[in-house]
C-alpha atoms as a PDB file:
ATOM      1  CA  GLY A   1       0.000   0.000   0.000  1.00  0.00           C
ATOM      2  CA  GLU A   2       0.853   3.673  -0.183  1.00  0.00           C
ATOM      3  CA  LYS A   3       2.025   3.973   3.432  1.00  0.00           C
ATOM      4  CA  VAL A   4       4.196   0.849   3.169  1.00  0.00           C
ATOM      5  CA  ASN A   5       5.834   2.226   0.004  1.00  0.00           C
ATOM      6  CA  GLU A   6       6.504   5.511   1.771  1.00  0.00           C
ATOM      7  CA  PHE A   7       7.976   3.702   4.773  1.00  0.00           C
ATOM      8  CA  GLU A   8      10.216   1.561   2.536  1.00  0.00           C
ATOM      9  CA  LYS A   9      11.614   4.614   0.758  1.00  0.00           C
ATOM     10  CA  LYS A  10      12.241   6.545   3.956  1.00  0.00           C
ATOM     11  CA  PHE A  11      13.760   3.523   5.689  1.00  0.00           C
ATOM     12  CA  ALA A  12      16.141   2.869   2.787  1.00  0.00           C
ATOM     13  CA  GLN A  13      17.158   6.507   2.799  1.00  0.00           C
ATOM     14  CA  GLN A  14      17.723   6.481   6.559  1.00  0.00           C
ATOM     15  CA  MET A  15      19.870   3.353   6.327  1.00  0.00           C
ATOM     16  CA  GLY A  16      21.818   4.573   3.295  1.00  0.00           C
ATOM     17  CA  SER A  17      20.574   1.694   1.123  1.00  0.00           C
ATOM     18  CA  LYS A  18      19.151   1.783  -2.398  1.00  0.00           C
ATOM     19  CA  TYR A  19      16.220  -0.545  -1.723  1.00  0.00           C
ATOM     20  CA  ALA A  20      13.993  -1.698   1.116  1.00  0.00           C
ATOM     21  CA  VAL A  21      11.227  -4.298   1.105  1.00  0.00           C
ATOM     22  CA  MET A  22       8.777  -4.481   3.996  1.00  0.00           C
ATOM     23  CA  VAL A  23       7.440  -7.852   5.097  1.00  0.00           C
ATOM     24  CA  ASN A  24       5.328  -9.190   7.950  1.00  0.00           C
ATOM     25  CA  SER A  25       8.214 -10.003  10.316  1.00  0.00           C
ATOM     26  CA  GLY A  26      11.968 -10.086  10.783  1.00  0.00           C
ATOM     27  CA  SER A  27      11.681 -13.860  10.480  1.00  0.00           C
ATOM     28  CA  SER A  28      10.137 -13.503   7.036  1.00  0.00           C
ATOM     29  CA  ALA A  29      12.824 -10.966   6.165  1.00  0.00           C
ATOM     30  CA  ASN A  30      15.474 -13.611   6.853  1.00  0.00           C
ATOM     31  CA  LEU A  31      13.538 -16.195   4.832  1.00  0.00           C
ATOM     32  CA  LEU A  32      13.153 -13.925   1.799  1.00  0.00           C
ATOM     33  CA  MET A  33      16.813 -12.876   1.962  1.00  0.00           C
ATOM     34  CA  ILE A  34      18.001 -16.474   1.847  1.00  0.00           C
ATOM     35  CA  ALA A  35      15.430 -17.434  -0.789  1.00  0.00           C
ATOM     36  CA  SER A  36      16.456 -14.570  -3.070  1.00  0.00           C
ATOM     37  CA  LEU A  37      20.150 -15.376  -2.681  1.00  0.00           C
ATOM     38  CA  VAL A  38      19.588 -19.036  -3.629  1.00  0.00           C
ATOM     39  CA  LEU A  39      17.190 -18.270  -6.500  1.00  0.00           C
ATOM     40  CA  ASP A  40      19.273 -15.507  -8.074  1.00  0.00           C
ATOM     41  CA  LYS A  41      21.569 -17.185 -10.601  1.00  0.00           C
ATOM     42  CA  ASN A  42      24.017 -14.286 -10.328  1.00  0.00           C
ATOM     43  CA  ILE A  43      24.711 -15.239  -6.705  1.00  0.00           C
ATOM     44  CA  ASP A  44      26.831 -18.312  -5.990  1.00  0.00           C
ATOM     45  CA  LEU A  45      24.791 -19.810  -3.142  1.00  0.00           C
ATOM     46  CA  ASN A  46      23.256 -23.207  -3.808  1.00  0.00           C
ATOM     47  CA  GLU A  47      21.836 -26.314  -2.154  1.00  0.00           C
ATOM     48  CA  GLY A  48      24.431 -28.080  -0.018  1.00  0.00           C
ATOM     49  CA  ASP A  49      26.606 -24.997   0.498  1.00  0.00           C
ATOM     50  CA  GLU A  50      27.721 -24.100   4.012  1.00  0.00           C
ATOM     51  CA  VAL A  51      26.813 -20.850   5.738  1.00  0.00           C
ATOM     52  CA  ILE A  52      28.703 -19.825   8.856  1.00  0.00           C
ATOM     53  CA  VAL A  53      26.403 -18.728  11.682  1.00  0.00           C
ATOM     54  CA  PRO A  54      26.881 -17.793  15.338  1.00  0.00           C
ATOM     55  CA  THR A  55      25.755 -20.220  18.042  1.00  0.00           C
ATOM     56  CA  LEU A  56      23.594 -17.499  19.601  1.00  0.00           C
ATOM     57  CA  SER A  57      20.634 -16.100  17.681  1.00  0.00           C
ATOM     58  CA  TRP A  58      16.887 -16.360  17.248  1.00  0.00           C
ATOM     59  CA  ALA A  59      15.725 -19.614  15.652  1.00  0.00           C
ATOM     60  CA  THR A  60      14.612 -17.930  12.434  1.00  0.00           C
ATOM     61  CA  THR A  61      18.192 -17.050  11.585  1.00  0.00           C
ATOM     62  CA  TYR A  62      18.750 -20.770  11.050  1.00  0.00           C
ATOM     63  CA  TYR A  63      15.396 -22.051   9.724  1.00  0.00           C
ATOM     64  CA  PRO A  64      15.654 -20.401   6.278  1.00  0.00           C
ATOM     65  CA  LEU A  65      19.024 -22.064   5.719  1.00  0.00           C
ATOM     66  CA  GLN A  66      17.491 -25.456   6.454  1.00  0.00           C
ATOM     67  CA  GLN A  67      14.470 -24.688   4.278  1.00  0.00           C
ATOM     68  CA  TYR A  68      16.675 -23.898   1.271  1.00  0.00           C
ATOM     69  CA  LYS A  69      18.909 -26.919   1.909  1.00  0.00           C
ATOM     70  CA  LEU A  70      21.934 -24.944   3.022  1.00  0.00           C
ATOM     71  CA  LYS A  71      24.099 -26.251   5.865  1.00  0.00           C
ATOM     72  CA  SER A  72      24.550 -24.171   9.015  1.00  0.00           C
ATOM     73  CA  LYS A  73      28.166 -24.161  10.176  1.00  0.00           C
ATOM     74  CA  PHE A  74      28.087 -23.035  13.788  1.00  0.00           C
ATOM     75  CA  VAL A  75      30.848 -20.862  15.230  1.00  0.00           C
ATOM     76  CA  ASP A  76      30.964 -20.048  18.926  1.00  0.00           C
ATOM     77  CA  ILE A  77      30.400 -16.553  20.299  1.00  0.00           C
ATOM     78  CA  ASN A  78      32.685 -14.132  22.075  1.00  0.00           C
ATOM     79  CA  LEU A  79      31.408 -14.017  25.667  1.00  0.00           C
ATOM     80  CA  ASN A  80      32.273 -10.321  25.945  1.00  0.00           C
ATOM     81  CA  THR A  81      30.073  -9.301  23.000  1.00  0.00           C
ATOM     82  CA  LEU A  82      27.689 -12.282  22.569  1.00  0.00           C
ATOM     83  CA  ASN A  83      28.369 -11.967  18.822  1.00  0.00           C
ATOM     84  CA  ILE A  84      30.181 -14.460  16.619  1.00  0.00           C
ATOM     85  CA  ASP A  85      33.835 -14.894  17.592  1.00  0.00           C
ATOM     86  CA  GLU A  86      35.485 -13.464  14.492  1.00  0.00           C
ATOM     87  CA  ASN A  87      38.778 -15.086  15.479  1.00  0.00           C
ATOM     88  CA  ALA A  88      37.174 -18.533  15.200  1.00  0.00           C
ATOM     89  CA  ILE A  89      35.632 -18.049  11.759  1.00  0.00           C
ATOM     90  CA  ILE A  90      38.635 -18.976   9.613  1.00  0.00           C
ATOM     91  CA  SER A  91      39.027 -22.415  11.186  1.00  0.00           C
ATOM     92  CA  ALA A  92      35.371 -23.157  10.296  1.00  0.00           C
ATOM     93  CA  ILE A  93      35.779 -22.362   6.583  1.00  0.00           C
ATOM     94  CA  THR A  94      35.827 -25.332   4.189  1.00  0.00           C
ATOM     95  CA  LYS A  95      35.628 -25.716   0.416  1.00  0.00           C
ATOM     96  CA  LYS A  96      31.828 -25.765   0.751  1.00  0.00           C
ATOM     97  CA  THR A  97      31.612 -22.497   2.692  1.00  0.00           C
ATOM     98  CA  LYS A  98      29.920 -19.766   0.679  1.00  0.00           C
ATOM     99  CA  ALA A  99      28.618 -17.213   3.179  1.00  0.00           C
ATOM    100  CA  ILE A 100      28.671 -15.752   6.667  1.00  0.00           C
ATOM    101  CA  PHE A 101      25.325 -14.908   8.266  1.00  0.00           C
ATOM    102  CA  ALA A 102      26.345 -12.318  10.855  1.00  0.00           C
ATOM    103  CA  VAL A 103      23.960 -11.422  13.683  1.00  0.00           C
ATOM    104  CA  ASN A 104      24.154  -8.210  15.700  1.00  0.00           C
ATOM    105  CA  VAL A 105      22.868  -9.293  19.108  1.00  0.00           C
ATOM    106  CA  LEU A 106      21.002  -6.913  21.442  1.00  0.00           C
ATOM    107  CA  GLY A 107      22.123  -3.704  19.735  1.00  0.00           C
ATOM    108  CA  ASN A 108      25.760  -4.741  19.668  1.00  0.00           C
ATOM    109  CA  PRO A 109      27.574  -4.646  16.289  1.00  0.00           C
ATOM    110  CA  CYS A 110      29.798  -7.463  15.111  1.00  0.00           C
ATOM    111  CA  SER A 111      33.449  -6.706  14.359  1.00  0.00           C
ATOM    112  CA  TYR A 112      32.898  -5.979  10.676  1.00  0.00           C
ATOM    113  CA  LYS A 113      36.453  -4.887   9.945  1.00  0.00           C
ATOM    114  CA  LYS A 114      37.661  -8.425  10.624  1.00  0.00           C
ATOM    115  CA  ILE A 115      34.612 -10.115   9.084  1.00  0.00           C
ATOM    116  CA  ASN A 116      34.892  -8.072   5.879  1.00  0.00           C
ATOM    117  CA  GLU A 117      38.576  -8.988   5.606  1.00  0.00           C
ATOM    118  CA  ILE A 118      37.662 -12.678   5.914  1.00  0.00           C
ATOM    119  CA  CYS A 119      34.874 -12.387   3.341  1.00  0.00           C
ATOM    120  CA  LYS A 120      37.183 -10.663   0.880  1.00  0.00           C
ATOM    121  CA  LYS A 121      40.019 -13.145   1.340  1.00  0.00           C
ATOM    122  CA  TYR A 122      37.857 -16.271   1.060  1.00  0.00           C
ATOM    123  CA  LYS A 123      35.303 -14.797  -1.397  1.00  0.00           C
ATOM    124  CA  LEU A 124      32.364 -15.272   0.960  1.00  0.00           C
ATOM    125  CA  ILE A 125      28.957 -13.591   0.816  1.00  0.00           C
ATOM    126  CA  LEU A 126      28.111 -11.535   3.891  1.00  0.00           C
ATOM    127  CA  ILE A 127      24.472 -11.640   5.021  1.00  0.00           C
ATOM    128  CA  GLU A 128      23.294  -9.662   8.025  1.00  0.00           C
ATOM    129  CA  ASP A 129      20.581 -10.290  10.631  1.00  0.00           C
ATOM    130  CA  ASN A 130      20.093  -6.905  12.270  1.00  0.00           C
ATOM    131  CA  CYS A 131      16.662  -7.574  13.746  1.00  0.00           C
ATOM    132  CA  GLU A 132      17.782  -6.638  17.267  1.00  0.00           C
ATOM    133  CA  SER A 133      20.038  -3.713  16.423  1.00  0.00           C
ATOM    134  CA  LEU A 134      18.182  -1.038  14.473  1.00  0.00           C
ATOM    135  CA  GLY A 135      20.169   2.193  14.726  1.00  0.00           C
ATOM    136  CA  ALA A 136      23.438   0.602  15.807  1.00  0.00           C
ATOM    137  CA  GLU A 137      26.546   1.672  13.895  1.00  0.00           C
ATOM    138  CA  TYR A 138      30.040   0.336  13.336  1.00  0.00           C
ATOM    139  CA  ASN A 139      32.633   2.895  12.215  1.00  0.00           C
ATOM    140  CA  ASN A 140      29.831   5.346  11.322  1.00  0.00           C
ATOM    141  CA  LYS A 141      28.087   2.809   9.066  1.00  0.00           C
ATOM    142  CA  LYS A 142      24.610   1.504   9.877  1.00  0.00           C
ATOM    143  CA  CYS A 143      24.391  -2.098  10.986  1.00  0.00           C
ATOM    144  CA  GLY A 144      22.284  -4.071   8.555  1.00  0.00           C
ATOM    145  CA  THR A 145      24.060  -2.522   5.573  1.00  0.00           C
ATOM    146  CA  PHE A 146      27.420  -4.303   5.704  1.00  0.00           C
ATOM    147  CA  GLY A 147      26.168  -7.403   3.922  1.00  0.00           C
ATOM    148  CA  ILE A 148      24.743  -7.920   0.461  1.00  0.00           C
ATOM    149  CA  THR A 149      21.398  -7.805   2.256  1.00  0.00           C
ATOM    150  CA  GLY A 150      20.240  -7.187   5.819  1.00  0.00           C
ATOM    151  CA  SER A 151      17.113  -7.817   7.892  1.00  0.00           C
ATOM    152  CA  PHE A 152      15.237  -5.784  10.499  1.00  0.00           C
ATOM    153  CA  SER A 153      12.314  -6.489  12.820  1.00  0.00           C
ATOM    154  CA  PHE A 154       9.496  -4.203  13.933  1.00  0.00           C
ATOM    155  CA  TYR A 155       8.098  -6.610  16.508  1.00  0.00           C
ATOM    156  CA  PHE A 156       6.581  -4.702  19.426  1.00  0.00           C
ATOM    157  CA  SER A 157       9.518  -5.375  21.755  1.00  0.00           C
ATOM    158  CA  HIS A 158      12.005  -3.778  19.330  1.00  0.00           C
ATOM    159  CA  HIS A 159      13.206  -0.218  18.800  1.00  0.00           C
ATOM    160  CA  ILE A 160      10.337   0.925  16.608  1.00  0.00           C
ATOM    161  CA  HIS A 161       7.374  -1.305  15.949  1.00  0.00           C
ATOM    162  CA  THR A 162       4.450  -1.940  13.681  1.00  0.00           C
ATOM    163  CA  ILE A 163       3.072  -4.544  16.143  1.00  0.00           C
ATOM    164  CA  GLU A 164       4.428  -7.120  13.679  1.00  0.00           C
ATOM    165  CA  GLY A 165       6.651  -6.347  10.709  1.00  0.00           C
ATOM    166  CA  GLY A 166      10.090  -6.588   9.185  1.00  0.00           C
ATOM    167  CA  MET A 167      12.299  -5.053   6.518  1.00  0.00           C
ATOM    168  CA  ILE A 168      14.973  -6.130   4.070  1.00  0.00           C
ATOM    169  CA  VAL A 169      17.572  -3.692   2.745  1.00  0.00           C
ATOM    170  CA  THR A 170      19.976  -4.181  -0.146  1.00  0.00           C
ATOM    171  CA  ASN A 171      21.856  -2.295  -2.833  1.00  0.00           C
ATOM    172  CA  ASN A 172      21.449  -5.213  -5.236  1.00  0.00           C
ATOM    173  CA  GLU A 173      18.624  -4.519  -7.709  1.00  0.00           C
ATOM    174  CA  SER A 174      18.202  -8.153  -8.702  1.00  0.00           C
ATOM    175  CA  LEU A 175      17.834  -9.343  -5.085  1.00  0.00           C
ATOM    176  CA  TYR A 176      15.422  -6.490  -4.465  1.00  0.00           C
ATOM    177  CA  GLN A 177      13.211  -7.683  -7.319  1.00  0.00           C
ATOM    178  CA  TYR A 178      13.302 -11.285  -6.132  1.00  0.00           C
ATOM    179  CA  CYS A 179      12.218 -10.138  -2.666  1.00  0.00           C
ATOM    180  CA  LEU A 180       9.347  -8.121  -4.145  1.00  0.00           C
ATOM    181  CA  SER A 181       8.084 -11.183  -5.991  1.00  0.00           C
ATOM    182  CA  LEU A 182       8.619 -13.598  -3.097  1.00  0.00           C
ATOM    183  CA  ARG A 183       6.720 -11.267  -0.776  1.00  0.00           C
ATOM    184  CA  ALA A 184       3.745 -11.613  -3.154  1.00  0.00           C
ATOM    185  CA  HIS A 185       3.952 -15.441  -3.289  1.00  0.00           C
ATOM    186  CA  GLY A 186       5.751 -15.353  -6.625  1.00  0.00           C
ATOM    187  CA  TRP A 187       3.442 -12.860  -8.302  1.00  0.00           C
ATOM    188  CA  VAL A 188       5.091 -10.204 -10.460  1.00  0.00           C
ATOM    189  CA  ARG A 189       2.607  -7.378  -9.911  1.00  0.00           C
ATOM    190  CA  ASP A 190       4.977  -5.329  -7.723  1.00  0.00           C
ATOM    191  CA  LEU A 191       7.890  -5.650 -10.129  1.00  0.00           C
ATOM    192  CA  PRO A 192       8.888  -2.766 -12.425  1.00  0.00           C
ATOM    193  CA  ASP A 193       8.127  -3.182 -16.126  1.00  0.00           C
ATOM    194  CA  LYS A 194      11.790  -3.909 -16.795  1.00  0.00           C
ATOM    195  CA  ASN A 195      12.936  -6.580 -14.363  1.00  0.00           C
ATOM    196  CA  VAL A 196      15.123  -9.690 -14.211  1.00  0.00           C
ATOM    197  CA  LEU A 197      12.349 -12.180 -13.412  1.00  0.00           C
ATOM    198  CA  PHE A 198       9.590 -11.815 -15.963  1.00  0.00           C
ATOM    199  CA  GLU A 199       8.946 -10.087 -19.273  1.00  0.00           C
ATOM    200  CA  LYS A 200       5.764  -8.097 -18.746  1.00  0.00           C
ATOM    201  CA  ASN A 201       3.432  -7.431 -21.665  1.00  0.00           C
ATOM    202  CA  GLY A 202       1.479  -4.504 -20.220  1.00  0.00           C
ATOM    203  CA  ASN A 203      -1.514  -6.638 -19.224  1.00  0.00           C
ATOM    204  CA  ASN A 204      -1.968  -5.920 -15.510  1.00  0.00           C
ATOM    205  CA  PHE A 205      -4.472  -8.755 -15.097  1.00  0.00           C
ATOM    206  CA  GLU A 206      -2.011 -11.354 -16.393  1.00  0.00           C
END
């Protein structure tokens, strides 16, 4: 609707991202992020690949990985931050590792300088669960925007709320379009006329 579109645009602008897609929860945001990454042929993330995750997070960080037949590779947390122990990530990387799903726990940013260095060296995709840390920053950059895509939650116990609700942000136009379609159960009605998923013919009913 009109208000959701307005919120998406303002949220993307606030976060410094090109695109934002609102969904019904932060859990759904994680699901659509993973789905879009697996479905997009320009992204090298496929069934059987490993994704490094922290041992501490909400369950719906992990469920989407299982649903899309990715393998969660658990790495322990740093007890001082409760975030993934960045010094333990390298030893968990194998030939099947394709991504790191970083989680910013309780408003506390991960150590993205180290994580970005690891991603660059090992050519890993960085995905970000920022459902608990809206507004947090690391080196003057908003958490939720370090990865190729990031999730947020507007559950009523979080920083701002819509009773229920979530958001996905990304700078990747293709992933943005996949998320728009997935949000609508695969329909293409929300997609722009020129998109990567479907060649529209101008017939809105179709």
